[in-house]
Structures are given as structure tokens and as C-alpha cells.
Amino acid sequence: MIPNHPIIAAVRPLLHATGAILVSTDEQQPGDIPLMWDGEVVAVVRLPPLHGALDRLIVSVEKELGSTLPALSRNDKQKAIRLLDQRGAFTLRRAVEDVADAMGVSRITVYNYLNALHR
């Protein structure tokens, strides 16, 4: 059972944003991250699998910008690319192609937006 503790309330927005979950200390597995408070493990954070990471990043950017990627204006699509780039989305294999498909633009458009950012 996960205790009602101030650190739990403090990390919930971060967990929600990243797709991580809290598990009790007796369910800890290798790779989980213990939450320490005064030298005691209060709970454990389990990170989400890498599979689906790009989808989670896209959803978070859509929430932040207030619309789905295809419905964004050109300016907001450029902002979306900047946010995805800042969050490391384009380090993932096939990310440019997948973002282009999700956005409803060509790969060349995504590359152009990225090149404009890095100039």
C-alpha cells in the first residue's frame, strides 16, 4: 500500500506527465526509483517502458498547446517541433517520420522546422 505522504502529492504531477507510476516498497523491482524521505523509502517510482514514449510526448505537447497536432497553425506546429526536440523526441528511431504522420505534414517539413531551430 502506498502511504499518504507529502512527497507522494508532490511527485504526482511529474508521474502523470511522464507516464510513470507509484508502487509500494514491497513491489520494488530492479530499475525502479525509490522515493526517500528522512532516510526511509516511502514509495517507489516505476518508469514507463520506452515503447510508446513518442506517443506520450506527442500527447503532452498537444495538451500544452491545446489542440491536436494536425489542427495546429503553422506557427504552433513549429512550437510543437521545438517542444518535442527539447524533450528528446527526435533521438528516437523513426521519430521524424512518426511526428510528420501525426502532424499531417511531410518529413521534409519536420526537417525544415528542426533545421530552423538549430540554425
C-alpha atoms as a PDB file:
ATOM      1  CA  MET A   1       0.000   0.000   0.000  1.00  0.00           C
ATOM      2  CA  ILE A   2       1.278   3.463  -0.871  1.00  0.00           C
ATOM      3  CA  PRO A   3       1.184   5.796   2.131  1.00  0.00           C
ATOM      4  CA  ASN A   4      -0.453   9.207   2.193  1.00  0.00           C
ATOM      5  CA  HIS A   5       2.733  11.268   2.322  1.00  0.00           C
ATOM      6  CA  PRO A   6       3.685  14.815   1.226  1.00  0.00           C
ATOM      7  CA  ILE A   7       6.308  13.548  -1.220  1.00  0.00           C
ATOM      8  CA  ILE A   8       3.643  11.460  -2.966  1.00  0.00           C
ATOM      9  CA  ALA A   9       1.461  14.528  -3.530  1.00  0.00           C
ATOM     10  CA  ALA A  10       4.499  16.483  -4.721  1.00  0.00           C
ATOM     11  CA  VAL A  11       5.534  13.980  -7.400  1.00  0.00           C
ATOM     12  CA  ARG A  12       2.070  13.072  -8.751  1.00  0.00           C
ATOM     13  CA  PRO A  13       2.108  15.766 -11.499  1.00  0.00           C
ATOM     14  CA  LEU A  14       5.526  14.553 -12.627  1.00  0.00           C
ATOM     15  CA  LEU A  15       4.347  10.949 -12.672  1.00  0.00           C
ATOM     16  CA  HIS A  16       1.278  11.887 -14.677  1.00  0.00           C
ATOM     17  CA  ALA A  17       3.341  13.887 -17.187  1.00  0.00           C
ATOM     18  CA  THR A  18       5.863  11.100 -17.756  1.00  0.00           C
ATOM     19  CA  GLY A  19       3.568   8.091 -17.584  1.00  0.00           C
ATOM     20  CA  ALA A  20       5.422   6.719 -14.563  1.00  0.00           C
ATOM     21  CA  ILE A  21       3.557   5.005 -11.736  1.00  0.00           C
ATOM     22  CA  LEU A  22       3.964   4.666  -7.984  1.00  0.00           C
ATOM     23  CA  VAL A  23       4.340   1.233  -6.459  1.00  0.00           C
ATOM     24  CA  SER A  24       4.678   0.196  -2.860  1.00  0.00           C
ATOM     25  CA  THR A  25       8.099  -0.558  -1.434  1.00  0.00           C
ATOM     26  CA  ASP A  26       7.362  -4.299  -1.267  1.00  0.00           C
ATOM     27  CA  GLU A  27       6.752  -4.336  -5.054  1.00  0.00           C
ATOM     28  CA  GLN A  28      10.109  -2.715  -5.925  1.00  0.00           C
ATOM     29  CA  GLN A  29      11.921  -4.195  -8.916  1.00  0.00           C
ATOM     30  CA  PRO A  30      15.385  -3.545 -10.352  1.00  0.00           C
ATOM     31  CA  GLY A  31      15.323  -0.244 -12.239  1.00  0.00           C
ATOM     32  CA  ASP A  32      12.635   1.306 -10.029  1.00  0.00           C
ATOM     33  CA  ILE A  33      13.461   4.591  -8.325  1.00  0.00           C
ATOM     34  CA  PRO A  34      12.969   4.789  -4.549  1.00  0.00           C
ATOM     35  CA  LEU A  35      11.474   7.974  -3.083  1.00  0.00           C
ATOM     36  CA  MET A  36      13.396   8.724   0.100  1.00  0.00           C
ATOM     37  CA  TRP A  37      12.192  10.882   2.992  1.00  0.00           C
ATOM     38  CA  ASP A  38      14.312  11.260   6.128  1.00  0.00           C
ATOM     39  CA  GLY A  39      16.336   8.192   5.196  1.00  0.00           C
ATOM     40  CA  GLU A  40      13.275   5.995   4.670  1.00  0.00           C
ATOM     41  CA  VAL A  41      11.912   4.684   1.355  1.00  0.00           C
ATOM     42  CA  VAL A  42       8.320   5.940   1.242  1.00  0.00           C
ATOM     43  CA  ALA A  43       7.348   4.614  -2.176  1.00  0.00           C
ATOM     44  CA  VAL A  44       8.893   3.601  -5.470  1.00  0.00           C
ATOM     45  CA  VAL A  45       8.574   5.135  -8.946  1.00  0.00           C
ATOM     46  CA  ARG A  46       8.365   2.785 -11.897  1.00  0.00           C
ATOM     47  CA  LEU A  47       9.192   4.460 -15.187  1.00  0.00           C
ATOM     48  CA  PRO A  48       7.115   3.587 -18.242  1.00  0.00           C
ATOM     49  CA  PRO A  49       8.581   1.372 -20.947  1.00  0.00           C
ATOM     50  CA  LEU A  50      10.364   3.110 -23.800  1.00  0.00           C
ATOM     51  CA  HIS A  51       7.802   1.628 -26.185  1.00  0.00           C
ATOM     52  CA  GLY A  52       5.170   4.348 -26.585  1.00  0.00           C
ATOM     53  CA  ALA A  53       7.441   7.170 -25.402  1.00  0.00           C
ATOM     54  CA  LEU A  54       6.951   9.221 -28.566  1.00  0.00           C
ATOM     55  CA  ASP A  55       3.183   8.891 -28.311  1.00  0.00           C
ATOM     56  CA  ARG A  56       3.312  10.111 -24.698  1.00  0.00           C
ATOM     57  CA  LEU A  57       5.479  13.060 -25.727  1.00  0.00           C
ATOM     58  CA  ILE A  58       3.068  13.974 -28.523  1.00  0.00           C
ATOM     59  CA  VAL A  59       0.083  13.816 -26.161  1.00  0.00           C
ATOM     60  CA  SER A  60       1.852  16.055 -23.637  1.00  0.00           C
ATOM     61  CA  VAL A  61       2.681  18.627 -26.343  1.00  0.00           C
ATOM     62  CA  GLU A  62      -0.894  18.545 -27.624  1.00  0.00           C
ATOM     63  CA  LYS A  63      -2.185  19.192 -24.100  1.00  0.00           C
ATOM     64  CA  GLU A  64       0.299  22.014 -23.643  1.00  0.00           C
ATOM     65  CA  LEU A  65      -0.650  23.666 -26.938  1.00  0.00           C
ATOM     66  CA  GLY A  66      -4.366  22.992 -26.525  1.00  0.00           C
ATOM     67  CA  SER A  67      -5.014  21.118 -29.759  1.00  0.00           C
ATOM     68  CA  THR A  68      -4.117  18.021 -31.719  1.00  0.00           C
ATOM     69  CA  LEU A  69      -1.019  18.279 -33.909  1.00  0.00           C
ATOM     70  CA  PRO A  70      -2.876  18.286 -37.263  1.00  0.00           C
ATOM     71  CA  ALA A  71      -5.182  21.087 -36.092  1.00  0.00           C
ATOM     72  CA  LEU A  72      -2.343  23.413 -35.051  1.00  0.00           C
ATOM     73  CA  SER A  73      -1.454  26.526 -37.015  1.00  0.00           C
ATOM     74  CA  ARG A  74       1.892  26.579 -38.812  1.00  0.00           C
ATOM     75  CA  ASN A  75       3.379  28.667 -36.014  1.00  0.00           C
ATOM     76  CA  ASP A  76       2.088  26.258 -33.359  1.00  0.00           C
ATOM     77  CA  LYS A  77       3.387  23.270 -35.348  1.00  0.00           C
ATOM     78  CA  GLN A  78       6.815  24.892 -35.201  1.00  0.00           C
ATOM     79  CA  LYS A  79       6.358  25.311 -31.431  1.00  0.00           C
ATOM     80  CA  ALA A  80       5.354  21.651 -31.182  1.00  0.00           C
ATOM     81  CA  ILE A  81       8.520  20.606 -33.015  1.00  0.00           C
ATOM     82  CA  ARG A  82      10.591  22.796 -30.672  1.00  0.00           C
ATOM     83  CA  LEU A  83       8.945  21.238 -27.591  1.00  0.00           C
ATOM     84  CA  LEU A  84       9.386  17.705 -28.928  1.00  0.00           C
ATOM     85  CA  ASP A  85      13.012  18.456 -29.764  1.00  0.00           C
ATOM     86  CA  GLN A  86      13.656  19.872 -26.285  1.00  0.00           C
ATOM     87  CA  ARG A  87      12.163  16.726 -24.760  1.00  0.00           C
ATOM     88  CA  GLY A  88      14.402  14.451 -26.806  1.00  0.00           C
ATOM     89  CA  ALA A  89      11.738  13.039 -29.110  1.00  0.00           C
ATOM     90  CA  PHE A  90      13.953  13.120 -32.167  1.00  0.00           C
ATOM     91  CA  THR A  91      16.557  10.875 -30.602  1.00  0.00           C
ATOM     92  CA  LEU A  92      14.098   8.027 -31.060  1.00  0.00           C
ATOM     93  CA  ARG A  93      14.262   5.905 -34.186  1.00  0.00           C
ATOM     94  CA  ARG A  94      11.780   6.975 -36.899  1.00  0.00           C
ATOM     95  CA  ALA A  95      10.620   9.938 -34.814  1.00  0.00           C
ATOM     96  CA  VAL A  96      10.715  12.421 -37.700  1.00  0.00           C
ATOM     97  CA  GLU A  97       8.540  10.160 -39.834  1.00  0.00           C
ATOM     98  CA  ASP A  98       6.135   9.401 -36.991  1.00  0.00           C
ATOM     99  CA  VAL A  99       5.798  13.065 -35.970  1.00  0.00           C
ATOM    100  CA  ALA A 100       5.265  14.070 -39.603  1.00  0.00           C
ATOM    101  CA  ASP A 101       2.485  11.480 -39.892  1.00  0.00           C
ATOM    102  CA  ALA A 102       0.912  12.579 -36.606  1.00  0.00           C
ATOM    103  CA  MET A 103       1.111  16.232 -37.652  1.00  0.00           C
ATOM    104  CA  GLY A 104      -0.157  15.689 -41.178  1.00  0.00           C
ATOM    105  CA  VAL A 105       2.920  17.182 -42.839  1.00  0.00           C
ATOM    106  CA  SER A 106       5.838  15.792 -44.816  1.00  0.00           C
ATOM    107  CA  ARG A 107       9.132  14.611 -43.339  1.00  0.00           C
ATOM    108  CA  ILE A 108      10.780  17.489 -45.199  1.00  0.00           C
ATOM    109  CA  THR A 109       8.581  19.959 -43.311  1.00  0.00           C
ATOM    110  CA  VAL A 110       9.624  18.489 -39.963  1.00  0.00           C
ATOM    111  CA  TYR A 111      13.288  18.567 -41.031  1.00  0.00           C
ATOM    112  CA  ASN A 112      12.866  22.195 -42.130  1.00  0.00           C
ATOM    113  CA  TYR A 113      11.371  23.120 -38.743  1.00  0.00           C
ATOM    114  CA  LEU A 114      14.222  21.317 -36.973  1.00  0.00           C
ATOM    115  CA  ASN A 115      16.853  22.984 -39.173  1.00  0.00           C
ATOM    116  CA  ALA A 116      15.329  26.395 -38.424  1.00  0.00           C
ATOM    117  CA  LEU A 117      15.581  25.638 -34.691  1.00  0.00           C
ATOM    118  CA  HIS A 118      19.227  24.622 -34.874  1.00  0.00           C
ATOM    119  CA  ARG A 119      20.466  27.489 -37.008  1.00  0.00           C
END
